[in-house]
Structures are given as structure tokens and as C-alpha cells.
């Protein structure tokens, strides 16, 4: 009997791992694909640069806003149930996205898809935390990170091929196909689990946090368009601050908050939250903005841009899994810090590459960035849940995922706004006060070099590309500084906790 039970448990765990990893594969495909397709979407549907940017930001923002609530729902209603609902919703919305009639409809559907993705990943990651313990859980989360990496590695080139052969609408159908496989072969083999003490969703906390993140992101994106001192932008940023204060007030008063602020008393938990912020800055921002630069300023096709992006994303298919193996001998704090320093060096190298330098010159620093990012990427999911009780795995996963995706939303918006602001300054120096500078920069930021040339015919393609390239390089330099700062904070907090654990263990031995 015992001999039969152990293989059954092992087989069940493998089915859970396979289903969650396959679902994890479709998330980055839906993230990187639209980034490559943005210029094509703009050519067909039109829309302002801000509206086009929301094709990416709406997904990231809704995911980050809802993922903590999704974790709470998974604890209360069942991890398997919420995982299945999320995957089914994601697959259905992917199908509908393929027929979106306008940019506005596309943005709204992407927001809904982000909610479905948050439900799927909160339920799936919490299921992994219930199914595995100790080193096995570290390996399981490393494999989940690897599945994300595979999606990131092949997403750009797949998107490029689909855009040029079948059109941009085809990129969303990959989510439908993968979701169907998970629902048919993976979900039926999963076991249900719940938190007996779960009390439901903290709706006031959810709404105040969503409002804060949305207002902040929109304010950052609108700053270069209206001016940072405009009443609209100031109102958005002040509203975000007010909603954040309301969110903190709510969370300190409810009995079972969406965000358990007491978890932030653990230095290791706080340090783990800085890792997704760092990876958002050093990896996700280039992942989203580089394809637009390649297609617009560099003049590449979608297939060429997607192929070049493999240099950045391919290491994520291997390095996260290797990080999980190395973590048996090297402290996670050290591995993560080394990786982020390597990524920062790659960003600095990339910042020194001018527009028009060629694909080979661009590929090498992108490869370094991907290798460096892969080290913390393979460790941070497990770190986020290792300091909380197993029954609160849904909340811990939700907090970590929120920090990850909220950091990505803000980082993408801030980096894009910085490129636009610096680009406007550069073009004003080149073109003086000529009408159309702001619109030309927005066109460049959306990958539409032809429209930028039409708006400023006196400058020419070379001058436009040079101005945009200089702005992009300055933005990368800012990313270097932000990555190193986040790496330092994460290392200090994670290392402090690891030393305390080692001291306690030595005391017990003596």
C-alpha cells in the first residue's frame, strides 16, 4: 500500500507542476507578442501612442492590481478551481482579442485578460506551494521560472513570424491553444486545496490599490504629453498618492487584509520584493521597448526584431533552472546580487551601442542582460513564500506577484515617458520650435518612423533616428542605476536573514 501511495503522490505532483508550468508558458507569450506587434497594430487600427501603449500596460496593470485578490480567492474557494477559471477565461479572451475592432476595444480586452491571468497564476503558484516542500518546492518554482523563460525566449520570434505571415491578430490565438491543452490534460489531475481560515476578498483594499496603481501609471504616461506641471497630470499623481494612503489605512483595520502588512516585518520577505522590481527594470522594460526601437529606429521587420530579441530572452529558458541548482550551494542573496550586477553591466554595454550599429553588436549586451536576470528570476518565487505558513501561500504569492507586475507596469510607463521626454528635448535642439516635434516623438515611440518623417520632413530619417537613439541610451543609463540600487537593497535584506538563520542553526548544534 505504501509503495503504491508514494508513486501516486509523485505522479500527481508532476501533473500539477506540468499544468502550472504550461499555463506559465502562455503568460509571457501574451506579454511579448503584443510588444512586437504594436507597430502593426497601430498601422491597422490607428490610435494615439498612449492608447497603443495601453495594449501592453492594460494587461500588466490589471494583472498587478488583481493578483492579491486572486490569491485570497484561491485560498478561500480552492486553488484548483481558481486556476481552472483563470485559464479558461484567459483562453476565451485570447480568442476574442483576435477580432478586436479598435484600439480601445483591444485595451479593454487586454485588461480583462490580465485579470484572468492573475487568477490562473495565483491559483497555480499556490497549488505548487501546497504540493511540494523544501528543496522540491525550490526546484518546482525554478521550473515555473524556466517555463516563463521559454515563453519569453520564443515569444518574440513567434510573434514576428505570425505578424508577417498571418497578421497581428494571430498572436493571441496561441493563448487559446495552450489554455485548451491545460484544461483538458492538466486540470482534471490536480487536487483541490483551501485555507480553512480564509474569509473572502478585501474589496475596499482591492479597489483602493487598483485606483492607486492605475492613476500612477496613467499620470506617468501622460506627463510627457501634457507637461508634468499640468493640472491633469498633477491631479492623477495626487490622486494616486491619496488612494495609496487609503489602501494602507484600510489594510491596517480589516481583520483579514488583502495585503498582510505584518509580513513586511521579515527582512527576507522585504528583500524578496525588491527582486521583481529589479528584474522589471533591467529585463522587462527592454523586453517591451527594444522591439519598438528595432522596428522604428533601426528599420527592422517584425521577424528580424523578434529574432534579435531571442538574444535577450533565450537565457531565461535555461538560467532560472540552473539558479535553482546553484542555490543548494550558494546563498540565494549572493546569486541574486551577482545576477543583477551582470544585468546592469549588460544594460550599460547596450547603452553604448548607437542606432544603426547592427544586430550582432546589439545581441551581445542583450545576451548578458538575459543571463544576469535569469539568476534572481529562478529564485525569487520560492523566496517569496518561504517565510510564511503554507496555508497563507495564496496571499504570499499574491503579494509577490503584485510587486512583480506593479513594478513592471510602473517601470514600463516611466521608461517610456522618459524616452518621450528626452526625445522631445533632443528634437527641439535639432528642429528648433518647429511644429510637430511632440507628435514626431510620439510616432517614434510607437515605432512609426514614416509618420515621424512626414511630421518633420526637414530633418530626415538619420537625424530622427539619432535623436531617438540618444534618448533611448540615456534611459538605459537610468535603468543601470535603478538595477544596482535594487540589487544592493535586496542583497542586504536577504543576506541579513540568511546570517540569522545560520547563527540559530549553529547554536542548536552546540
Protein backbone atom coordinates (compact mmCIF):
# COMPACT_ATOMS: atom_id res chain seq x y z
CA UNK A 1 0.00 0.00 0.00
CA UNK A 2 2.73 2.43 0.96
CA UNK A 3 4.74 1.53 -2.14
CA UNK A 4 1.75 2.42 -4.26
CA UNK A 5 0.91 5.68 -2.47
CA UNK A 6 4.29 7.29 -2.93
CA UNK A 7 4.35 6.98 -6.73
CA UNK A 8 0.75 8.21 -6.86
CA UNK A 9 1.67 11.33 -4.89
CA UNK A 10 4.74 11.87 -7.04
CA UNK A 11 2.77 11.45 -10.26
CA UNK A 12 0.08 13.84 -9.01
CA UNK A 13 2.73 16.42 -8.17
CA UNK A 14 4.19 16.11 -11.65
CA UNK A 15 0.76 16.67 -13.20
CA UNK A 16 0.27 19.79 -11.08
CA UNK A 17 3.74 21.03 -12.00
CA UNK A 18 3.16 20.36 -15.69
CA UNK A 19 -0.21 22.14 -15.74
CA UNK A 20 1.06 25.21 -13.89
CA UNK A 21 4.23 25.44 -15.98
CA UNK A 22 2.26 25.16 -19.22
CA UNK A 23 -0.04 27.93 -18.02
CA UNK A 24 3.07 29.89 -17.09
CA UNK A 25 4.27 29.45 -20.66
CA UNK A 26 1.27 31.23 -22.17
CA UNK A 27 1.60 34.32 -19.98
CA UNK A 28 4.89 35.64 -21.41
CA UNK A 29 3.73 34.74 -24.92
CA UNK A 30 0.80 37.08 -24.45
CA UNK A 31 3.13 39.69 -22.96
CA UNK A 32 5.94 39.75 -25.52
CA UNK A 33 3.75 39.19 -28.56
CA UNK A 34 1.83 42.48 -28.41
CA UNK A 35 5.08 44.36 -27.75
CA UNK A 36 6.45 43.15 -31.09
CA UNK A 37 3.09 43.73 -32.80
CA UNK A 38 2.49 47.32 -31.60
CA UNK A 39 3.68 49.00 -34.83
CA UNK A 40 1.49 46.66 -36.91
CA UNK A 41 -1.49 47.25 -34.62
CA UNK A 42 -1.00 51.00 -34.98
CA UNK A 43 -0.87 50.77 -38.78
CA UNK A 44 -4.17 48.86 -38.92
CA UNK A 45 -6.22 50.33 -36.08
CA UNK A 46 -4.60 53.74 -35.66
CA UNK A 47 -4.78 55.27 -32.20
CA UNK A 48 -2.54 57.61 -30.26
CA UNK A 49 0.81 56.42 -28.85
CA UNK A 50 -0.68 56.47 -25.34
CA UNK A 51 -3.61 54.30 -26.47
CA UNK A 52 -1.23 51.86 -28.16
CA UNK A 53 0.96 51.70 -25.06
CA UNK A 54 -2.08 50.56 -23.10
CA UNK A 55 -2.18 47.38 -25.20
CA UNK A 56 0.74 46.27 -23.02
CA UNK A 57 0.06 48.34 -19.91
CA UNK A 58 -3.61 47.35 -19.55
CA UNK A 59 -2.62 43.69 -19.22
CA UNK A 60 0.20 44.41 -16.78
CA UNK A 61 -1.85 46.86 -14.72
CA UNK A 62 -4.92 44.64 -14.32
CA UNK A 63 -2.74 41.63 -13.52
CA UNK A 64 -0.86 43.53 -10.85
CA UNK A 65 -3.99 45.10 -9.39
CA UNK A 66 -6.00 41.89 -9.06
CA UNK A 67 -3.41 39.27 -8.26
CA UNK A 68 -3.58 39.75 -4.48
CA UNK A 69 -7.37 39.40 -4.56
CA UNK A 70 -6.91 36.35 -6.77
CA UNK A 71 -4.62 34.83 -4.15
CA UNK A 72 -7.23 35.43 -1.45
CA UNK A 73 -9.94 33.88 -3.63
CA UNK A 74 -7.71 30.87 -4.28
CA UNK A 75 -7.24 30.39 -0.53
CA UNK A 76 -11.00 30.61 0.07
CA UNK A 77 -12.63 28.96 -2.95
CA UNK A 78 -9.90 26.48 -3.87
CA UNK A 79 -6.62 26.73 -5.72
CA UNK A 80 -7.57 24.21 -8.40
CA UNK A 81 -10.93 25.86 -9.04
CA UNK A 82 -9.47 29.34 -9.44
CA UNK A 83 -6.65 28.02 -11.60
CA UNK A 84 -9.18 26.41 -13.95
CA UNK A 85 -11.36 29.53 -14.05
CA UNK A 86 -8.36 31.73 -14.80
CA UNK A 87 -7.02 29.51 -17.57
CA UNK A 88 -10.47 29.19 -19.19
CA UNK A 89 -11.03 32.95 -19.05
CA UNK A 90 -7.57 33.63 -20.46
CA UNK A 91 -8.11 31.22 -23.36
CA UNK A 92 -11.54 32.66 -24.19
CA UNK A 93 -10.38 36.27 -24.06
CA UNK A 94 -7.40 35.40 -26.25
CA UNK A 95 -9.87 34.15 -28.84
CA UNK A 96 -11.97 37.34 -28.63
CA UNK A 97 -8.88 39.57 -28.83
CA UNK A 98 -8.21 38.22 -32.29
CA UNK A 99 -11.28 40.08 -33.59
CA UNK A 100 -10.96 43.36 -31.66
CA UNK A 101 -12.32 46.18 -33.89
CA UNK A 102 -10.42 49.12 -32.36
CA UNK A 103 -7.54 50.04 -30.10
CA UNK A 104 -9.97 50.96 -27.32
CA UNK A 105 -11.63 47.54 -27.51
CA UNK A 106 -8.20 45.92 -27.59
CA UNK A 107 -7.13 47.82 -24.48
CA UNK A 108 -10.28 46.84 -22.57
CA UNK A 109 -10.00 43.18 -23.54
CA UNK A 110 -6.33 43.15 -22.56
CA UNK A 111 -7.32 44.49 -19.15
CA UNK A 112 -9.81 41.65 -18.73
CA UNK A 113 -7.19 39.17 -19.91
CA UNK A 114 -4.82 40.43 -17.24
CA UNK A 115 -7.42 39.66 -14.55
CA UNK A 116 -7.85 36.13 -15.91
CA UNK A 117 -4.07 35.70 -15.95
CA UNK A 118 -3.81 36.81 -12.32
CA UNK A 119 -6.44 34.27 -11.26
CA UNK A 120 -4.65 31.48 -13.13
CA UNK A 121 -1.20 32.24 -11.77
CA UNK A 122 -2.30 32.87 -8.18
CA UNK A 123 -4.15 29.56 -8.10
CA UNK A 124 -1.37 27.71 -9.90
CA UNK A 125 1.52 29.02 -7.81
CA UNK A 126 -0.38 28.41 -4.56
CA UNK A 127 -1.07 24.84 -5.73
CA UNK A 128 2.66 24.30 -6.22
CA UNK A 129 3.36 25.59 -2.72
CA UNK A 130 0.88 23.06 -1.33
CA UNK A 131 2.16 20.16 -3.42
CA UNK A 132 5.90 20.49 -2.74
CA UNK A 133 8.10 21.20 0.27
CA UNK A 134 11.74 22.07 0.89
CA UNK A 135 14.22 21.55 -1.96
CA UNK A 136 11.47 20.01 -4.11
CA UNK A 137 9.50 23.25 -3.89
CA UNK A 138 12.58 25.25 -4.88
CA UNK A 139 13.02 23.03 -7.94
CA UNK A 140 9.31 23.29 -8.79
CA UNK A 141 9.35 27.08 -8.70
CA UNK A 142 12.60 27.08 -10.68
CA UNK A 143 10.84 25.05 -13.35
CA UNK A 144 7.98 27.53 -13.29
CA UNK A 145 10.51 30.29 -13.85
CA UNK A 146 12.02 28.26 -16.67
CA UNK A 147 8.60 27.92 -18.31
CA UNK A 148 8.25 31.69 -18.18
CA UNK A 149 11.71 31.85 -19.71
CA UNK A 150 10.78 29.55 -22.58
CA UNK A 151 7.78 31.73 -23.32
CA UNK A 152 9.96 34.81 -23.21
CA UNK A 153 12.60 33.16 -25.40
CA UNK A 154 10.29 32.07 -28.20
CA UNK A 155 7.55 34.69 -27.82
CA UNK A 156 9.24 37.49 -29.79
CA UNK A 157 10.23 35.39 -32.82
CA UNK A 158 6.86 33.59 -32.81
CA UNK A 159 5.10 36.95 -32.71
CA UNK A 160 7.27 38.28 -35.52
CA UNK A 161 6.54 35.31 -37.76
CA UNK A 162 2.81 35.46 -37.03
CA UNK A 163 2.59 39.21 -37.63
CA UNK A 164 4.33 38.99 -41.02
CA UNK A 165 2.56 35.82 -42.21
CA UNK A 166 -0.92 35.82 -40.66
CA UNK A 167 -1.24 39.31 -39.17
CA UNK A 168 -1.03 40.59 -35.61
CA UNK A 169 -4.39 39.10 -34.61
CA UNK A 170 -2.94 35.60 -34.84
CA UNK A 171 -0.58 36.17 -31.92
CA UNK A 172 -3.47 35.98 -29.45
CA UNK A 173 -4.59 32.55 -30.62
CA UNK A 174 -1.55 30.89 -29.04
CA UNK A 175 -3.09 31.59 -25.62
CA UNK A 176 -6.30 29.88 -26.68
CA UNK A 177 -4.46 26.77 -27.87
CA UNK A 178 -2.27 26.37 -24.78
CA UNK A 179 -5.17 27.09 -22.43
CA UNK A 180 -7.23 24.33 -24.05
CA UNK A 181 -4.41 21.81 -23.52
CA UNK A 182 -4.10 22.76 -19.82
CA UNK A 183 -7.84 22.46 -19.26
CA UNK A 184 -8.13 19.07 -20.97
CA UNK A 185 -4.99 17.30 -19.74
CA UNK A 186 -3.77 19.16 -16.64
CA UNK A 187 -6.66 20.45 -14.54
CA UNK A 188 -8.51 17.10 -14.13
CA UNK A 189 -5.42 15.60 -12.43
CA UNK A 190 -4.97 18.42 -9.90
CA UNK A 191 -6.09 18.15 -6.27
CA UNK A 192 -8.17 20.81 -4.59
CA UNK A 193 -6.79 22.70 -1.57
CA UNK A 194 -8.06 25.63 0.51
CA UNK A 195 -7.17 27.75 3.51
CA UNK A 196 -9.71 26.88 6.25
CA UNK A 197 -9.25 30.31 7.81
CA UNK A 198 -9.85 32.33 4.63
CA UNK A 199 -12.63 34.91 4.97
CA UNK A 200 -13.00 36.32 1.47
CA UNK A 201 -11.75 39.23 -0.60
CA UNK A 202 -10.83 42.58 0.87
CA UNK A 203 -12.82 44.61 -1.68
CA UNK A 204 -12.04 48.09 -0.26
CA UNK A 205 -8.35 47.20 -0.34
CA UNK A 206 -8.65 45.87 -3.88
CA UNK A 207 -10.39 48.97 -5.23
CA UNK A 208 -8.10 51.47 -3.49
CA UNK A 209 -4.96 49.63 -4.63
CA UNK A 210 -6.23 49.33 -8.22
CA UNK A 211 -7.08 53.02 -8.27
CA UNK A 212 -3.66 53.98 -6.89
CA UNK A 213 -1.75 51.88 -9.41
CA UNK A 214 -3.93 52.95 -12.34
CA UNK A 215 -3.74 56.66 -11.54
CA UNK A 216 0.03 56.47 -11.04
CA UNK A 217 0.63 54.62 -14.32
CA UNK A 218 -1.65 56.92 -16.31
CA UNK A 219 -0.09 60.00 -14.73
CA UNK A 220 3.42 58.85 -15.62
CA UNK A 221 2.39 58.09 -19.21
CA UNK A 222 0.55 61.39 -19.62
CA UNK A 223 3.35 63.54 -18.14
CA UNK A 224 5.38 64.00 -21.35
CA UNK A 225 2.19 64.63 -23.35
CA UNK A 226 0.58 67.35 -21.20
CA UNK A 227 3.59 68.50 -19.17
CA UNK A 228 4.46 67.41 -15.64
CA UNK A 229 3.03 70.60 -14.17
CA UNK A 230 -0.32 70.37 -15.92
CA UNK A 231 -3.46 70.13 -13.74
CA UNK A 232 -4.37 66.77 -15.28
CA UNK A 233 -1.03 65.12 -14.52
CA UNK A 234 -0.77 66.63 -11.05
CA UNK A 235 -4.32 65.52 -10.31
CA UNK A 236 -3.54 61.97 -11.41
CA UNK A 237 -0.39 61.75 -9.30
CA UNK A 238 -2.02 63.32 -6.23
CA UNK A 239 -4.98 61.01 -6.66
CA UNK A 240 -2.60 58.02 -6.76
CA UNK A 241 -0.97 59.17 -3.51
CA UNK A 242 -4.36 59.60 -1.86
CA UNK A 243 -5.54 56.16 -2.96
CA UNK A 244 -2.32 54.59 -1.71
CA UNK A 245 -2.79 56.22 1.69
CA UNK A 246 -6.37 54.97 1.76
CA UNK A 247 -5.19 51.48 0.86
CA UNK A 248 -2.70 51.40 3.75
CA UNK A 249 -5.37 52.70 6.13
CA UNK A 250 -7.81 50.01 5.01
CA UNK A 251 -5.26 47.22 5.31
CA UNK A 252 -4.36 48.15 8.89
CA UNK A 253 -8.00 47.99 10.00
CA UNK A 254 -9.57 44.93 8.39
CA UNK A 255 -9.36 41.57 10.16
CA UNK A 256 -8.05 39.61 7.14
CA UNK A 257 -6.41 42.17 4.81
CA UNK A 258 -5.60 41.60 1.18
CA UNK A 259 -2.06 42.78 1.95
CA UNK A 260 -0.84 41.50 5.30
CA UNK A 261 1.45 44.37 6.28
CA UNK A 262 2.87 42.29 9.15
CA UNK A 263 4.75 40.20 6.58
CA UNK A 264 6.96 43.20 5.91
CA UNK A 265 8.49 42.75 9.36
CA UNK A 266 10.54 39.90 7.88
CA UNK A 267 13.69 41.37 6.27
CA UNK A 268 13.99 38.37 3.92
CA UNK A 269 10.41 38.85 2.69
CA UNK A 270 11.03 42.55 2.08
CA UNK A 271 14.27 41.75 0.28
CA UNK A 272 12.45 39.26 -1.94
CA UNK A 273 10.06 42.02 -3.03
CA UNK A 274 12.95 44.08 -4.38
CA UNK A 275 13.98 41.28 -6.75
CA UNK A 276 10.94 41.60 -9.05
CA UNK A 277 11.37 45.37 -9.02
CA UNK A 278 14.97 44.93 -10.17
CA UNK A 279 14.07 42.42 -12.89
CA UNK A 280 11.27 44.69 -14.10
CA UNK A 281 13.81 47.48 -14.55
CA UNK A 282 16.67 45.51 -16.10
CA UNK A 283 14.73 42.96 -18.17
CA UNK A 284 11.02 43.67 -18.68
CA UNK A 285 11.50 47.29 -19.78
CA UNK A 286 13.99 46.35 -22.55
CA UNK A 287 11.78 43.39 -23.45
CA UNK A 288 8.89 45.77 -24.21
CA UNK A 289 10.71 48.82 -25.59
CA UNK A 290 13.50 47.26 -27.67
CA UNK A 291 11.21 45.74 -30.35
CA UNK A 292 9.71 49.19 -30.96
CA UNK A 293 13.22 50.65 -31.33
CA UNK A 294 14.28 47.86 -33.70
CA UNK A 295 11.23 48.21 -35.93
CA UNK A 296 11.04 52.00 -35.84
CA UNK A 297 14.52 53.50 -35.49
CA UNK A 298 16.56 50.52 -36.75
CA UNK A 299 14.19 49.78 -39.66
CA UNK A 300 13.92 46.03 -38.99
CA UNK A 301 10.99 43.85 -39.96
CA UNK A 302 8.86 42.18 -37.28
CA UNK A 303 10.63 38.86 -37.91
CA UNK A 304 14.07 40.45 -37.69
CA UNK A 305 13.15 42.28 -34.48
CA UNK A 306 11.65 39.15 -32.94
CA UNK A 307 14.70 37.10 -33.90
CA UNK A 308 17.06 39.62 -32.32
CA UNK A 309 15.01 39.63 -29.12
CA UNK A 310 15.94 35.98 -28.62
CA UNK A 311 19.37 37.17 -27.52
CA UNK A 312 17.70 38.86 -24.54
CA UNK A 313 15.12 36.24 -23.69
CA UNK A 314 16.73 32.89 -24.58
CA UNK A 315 18.83 32.68 -21.38
CA UNK A 316 15.59 32.73 -19.41
CA UNK A 317 14.82 29.26 -20.73
CA UNK A 318 17.90 27.80 -19.01
CA UNK A 319 19.41 30.09 -16.38
CA UNK A 320 16.47 30.08 -13.90
CA UNK A 321 16.66 26.29 -13.63
CA UNK A 322 20.44 26.43 -13.18
CA UNK A 323 19.92 29.04 -10.47
CA UNK A 324 17.73 26.60 -8.56
CA UNK A 325 20.53 24.02 -8.69
CA UNK A 326 23.22 26.51 -7.68
CA UNK A 327 21.10 27.65 -4.73
CA UNK A 328 21.89 24.36 -2.98
CA UNK A 329 25.49 25.54 -2.51
CA UNK A 330 25.40 29.32 -2.91
CA UNK A 331 23.13 31.59 -0.83
CA UNK A 332 20.19 33.00 -2.77
CA UNK A 333 21.16 36.54 -1.77
CA UNK A 334 24.59 36.16 -3.33
CA UNK A 335 23.29 34.54 -6.52
CA UNK A 336 20.61 37.19 -6.98
CA UNK A 337 23.02 40.07 -6.40
CA UNK A 338 25.58 38.64 -8.83
CA UNK A 339 22.91 38.20 -11.46
CA UNK A 340 21.59 41.75 -11.13
CA UNK A 341 25.10 43.22 -11.32
CA UNK A 342 25.71 41.22 -14.51
CA UNK A 343 22.39 42.51 -15.92
CA UNK A 344 23.35 46.10 -15.04
CA UNK A 345 26.68 45.66 -16.87
CA UNK A 346 24.76 44.43 -19.90
CA UNK A 347 22.46 47.44 -19.78
CA UNK A 348 25.47 49.76 -19.61
CA UNK A 349 27.02 47.99 -22.58
CA UNK A 350 23.76 48.28 -24.54
CA UNK A 351 23.54 51.99 -23.71
CA UNK A 352 26.87 52.48 -25.50
CA UNK A 353 25.54 50.94 -28.74
CA UNK A 354 24.25 53.63 -31.15
CA UNK A 355 21.32 53.25 -33.52
CA UNK A 356 22.41 51.53 -36.72
CA UNK A 357 25.28 49.57 -35.15
CA UNK A 358 23.95 46.24 -36.43
CA UNK A 359 22.28 43.16 -34.98
CA UNK A 360 25.47 41.41 -33.86
CA UNK A 361 26.61 44.44 -31.87
CA UNK A 362 23.21 44.65 -30.16
CA UNK A 363 22.90 40.92 -29.47
CA UNK A 364 25.92 40.54 -27.17
CA UNK A 365 24.88 43.01 -24.44
CA UNK A 366 21.31 41.73 -24.67
CA UNK A 367 22.60 38.21 -24.02
CA UNK A 368 24.47 39.45 -20.94
CA UNK A 369 21.30 41.11 -19.62
CA UNK A 370 19.33 37.89 -20.08
CA UNK A 371 21.94 35.74 -18.35
CA UNK A 372 22.18 38.09 -15.39
CA UNK A 373 18.42 38.42 -14.95
CA UNK A 374 17.94 34.65 -15.09
CA UNK A 375 19.68 34.11 -11.73
CA UNK A 376 17.23 36.00 -9.49
CA UNK A 377 14.35 35.04 -11.80
CA UNK A 378 14.76 31.38 -10.90
CA UNK A 379 14.91 32.03 -7.14
CA UNK A 380 12.53 34.82 -6.26
CA UNK A 381 9.22 32.91 -6.49
CA UNK A 382 10.32 30.41 -3.86
CA UNK A 383 11.87 33.15 -1.71
CA UNK A 384 8.54 34.97 -1.62
CA UNK A 385 6.68 32.08 0.06
CA UNK A 386 9.44 30.56 2.17
CA UNK A 387 8.83 32.81 5.21
CA UNK A 388 5.04 32.41 5.52
CA UNK A 389 2.89 29.47 6.70
CA UNK A 390 1.86 27.07 3.96
CA UNK A 391 -1.83 27.85 4.44
CA UNK A 392 -1.14 31.51 3.59
CA UNK A 393 0.64 30.61 0.36
CA UNK A 394 -2.07 32.28 -1.70
CA UNK A 395 -1.55 35.63 -0.01
CA UNK A 396 2.24 35.40 -0.16
CA UNK A 397 2.07 34.55 -3.85
CA UNK A 398 -0.37 37.38 -4.39
CA UNK A 399 1.85 39.94 -2.65
CA UNK A 400 4.91 38.85 -4.57
CA UNK A 401 3.10 38.77 -7.92
CA UNK A 402 1.67 42.20 -7.20
CA UNK A 403 5.11 43.61 -6.51
CA UNK A 404 6.39 41.97 -9.68
CA UNK A 405 3.67 43.14 -12.02
CA UNK A 406 3.04 46.52 -10.37
CA UNK A 407 6.76 47.15 -10.63
CA UNK A 408 6.66 46.17 -14.30
CA UNK A 409 3.69 48.47 -15.01
CA UNK A 410 5.30 51.47 -13.35
CA UNK A 411 8.75 50.73 -14.81
CA UNK A 412 7.42 50.38 -18.37
CA UNK A 413 5.38 53.57 -18.08
CA UNK A 414 8.25 55.53 -16.52
CA UNK A 415 10.82 54.32 -19.05
CA UNK A 416 8.51 55.09 -21.97
CA UNK A 417 7.77 58.54 -20.58
CA UNK A 418 11.49 59.18 -20.10
CA UNK A 419 12.24 58.27 -23.71
CA UNK A 420 9.50 60.61 -24.95
CA UNK A 421 10.63 63.48 -22.72
CA UNK A 422 14.30 63.10 -23.69
CA UNK A 423 13.37 62.63 -27.33
CA UNK A 424 11.37 65.86 -27.33
CA UNK A 425 14.34 67.70 -25.87
CA UNK A 426 16.68 66.27 -28.50
CA UNK A 427 14.39 67.02 -31.43
CA UNK A 428 13.76 70.55 -30.19
CA UNK A 429 17.52 71.12 -30.31
CA UNK A 430 17.67 69.72 -33.85
CA UNK A 431 14.48 71.26 -35.25
CA UNK A 432 14.05 74.34 -33.09
CA UNK A 433 10.45 75.25 -32.34
CA UNK A 434 9.12 73.60 -35.47
CA UNK A 435 5.53 72.43 -35.16
CA UNK A 436 5.13 68.67 -34.94
CA UNK A 437 8.07 67.81 -32.67
CA UNK A 438 5.88 66.32 -29.93
CA UNK A 439 3.83 64.28 -32.41
CA UNK A 440 7.00 63.09 -34.16
CA UNK A 441 8.48 61.83 -30.89
CA UNK A 442 5.23 60.04 -30.09
CA UNK A 443 5.34 58.41 -33.51
CA UNK A 444 8.92 57.27 -32.92
CA UNK A 445 7.96 55.93 -29.50
CA UNK A 446 5.29 53.86 -31.24
CA UNK A 447 7.72 52.54 -33.88
CA UNK A 448 6.28 54.62 -36.75
CA UNK A 449 9.30 56.21 -38.42
CA UNK A 450 7.31 57.04 -41.58
CA UNK A 451 4.89 59.27 -39.70
CA UNK A 452 7.73 60.97 -37.84
CA UNK A 453 9.43 61.77 -41.17
CA UNK A 454 6.20 63.19 -42.54
CA UNK A 455 5.78 65.43 -39.49
CA UNK A 456 9.38 66.72 -39.64
CA UNK A 457 10.41 66.43 -43.31
CA UNK A 458 13.31 68.83 -42.85
CA UNK A 459 15.25 66.53 -40.53
CA UNK A 460 15.36 63.23 -42.37
CA UNK A 461 15.42 59.66 -41.11
CA UNK A 462 19.03 59.72 -39.89
CA UNK A 463 18.55 62.76 -37.65
CA UNK A 464 15.29 61.37 -36.25
CA UNK A 465 16.90 58.01 -35.52
CA UNK A 466 19.88 59.70 -33.87
CA UNK A 467 17.67 61.82 -31.58
CA UNK A 468 15.57 58.81 -30.61
CA UNK A 469 18.68 56.68 -30.09
CA UNK A 470 20.24 59.27 -27.76
CA UNK A 471 17.05 59.36 -25.69
CA UNK A 472 16.96 55.58 -25.53
CA UNK A 473 20.60 55.40 -24.43
CA UNK A 474 20.00 57.91 -21.63
CA UNK A 475 17.01 55.89 -20.47
CA UNK A 476 19.18 52.76 -20.34
CA UNK A 477 21.70 54.59 -18.16
CA UNK A 478 18.92 55.34 -15.69
CA UNK A 479 17.97 51.65 -15.72
CA UNK A 480 21.55 50.73 -14.80
CA UNK A 481 21.45 52.91 -11.69
CA UNK A 482 18.00 51.64 -10.66
CA UNK A 483 19.03 47.99 -11.10
CA UNK A 484 22.15 48.38 -8.96
CA UNK A 485 20.22 50.19 -6.23
CA UNK A 486 17.54 47.48 -6.07
CA UNK A 487 20.22 44.78 -6.12
CA UNK A 488 22.03 46.34 -3.15
CA UNK A 489 18.88 46.63 -1.05
CA UNK A 490 17.76 43.09 -1.87
CA UNK A 491 21.18 41.65 -1.04
CA UNK A 492 21.45 43.42 2.30
CA UNK A 493 17.99 42.29 3.46
CA UNK A 494 18.22 38.73 2.16
CA UNK A 495 21.75 38.23 3.45
CA UNK A 496 20.84 39.55 6.88
CA UNK A 497 18.13 36.95 7.31
CA UNK A 498 20.34 34.13 5.99
CA UNK A 499 23.02 35.01 8.54
CA UNK A 500 20.46 34.96 11.34
CA UNK A 501 19.28 31.50 10.26
CA UNK A 502 22.88 30.23 10.12
CA UNK A 503 23.62 31.58 13.63
CA UNK A 504 20.49 29.91 15.05
CA UNK A 505 21.37 26.63 13.36
CA UNK A 506 24.90 26.69 14.79
CA UNK A 507 23.54 27.46 18.26
CA UNK A 508 21.21 24.46 18.06
CA UNK A 509 24.12 22.20 17.09
CA UNK A 510 26.17 23.26 20.12
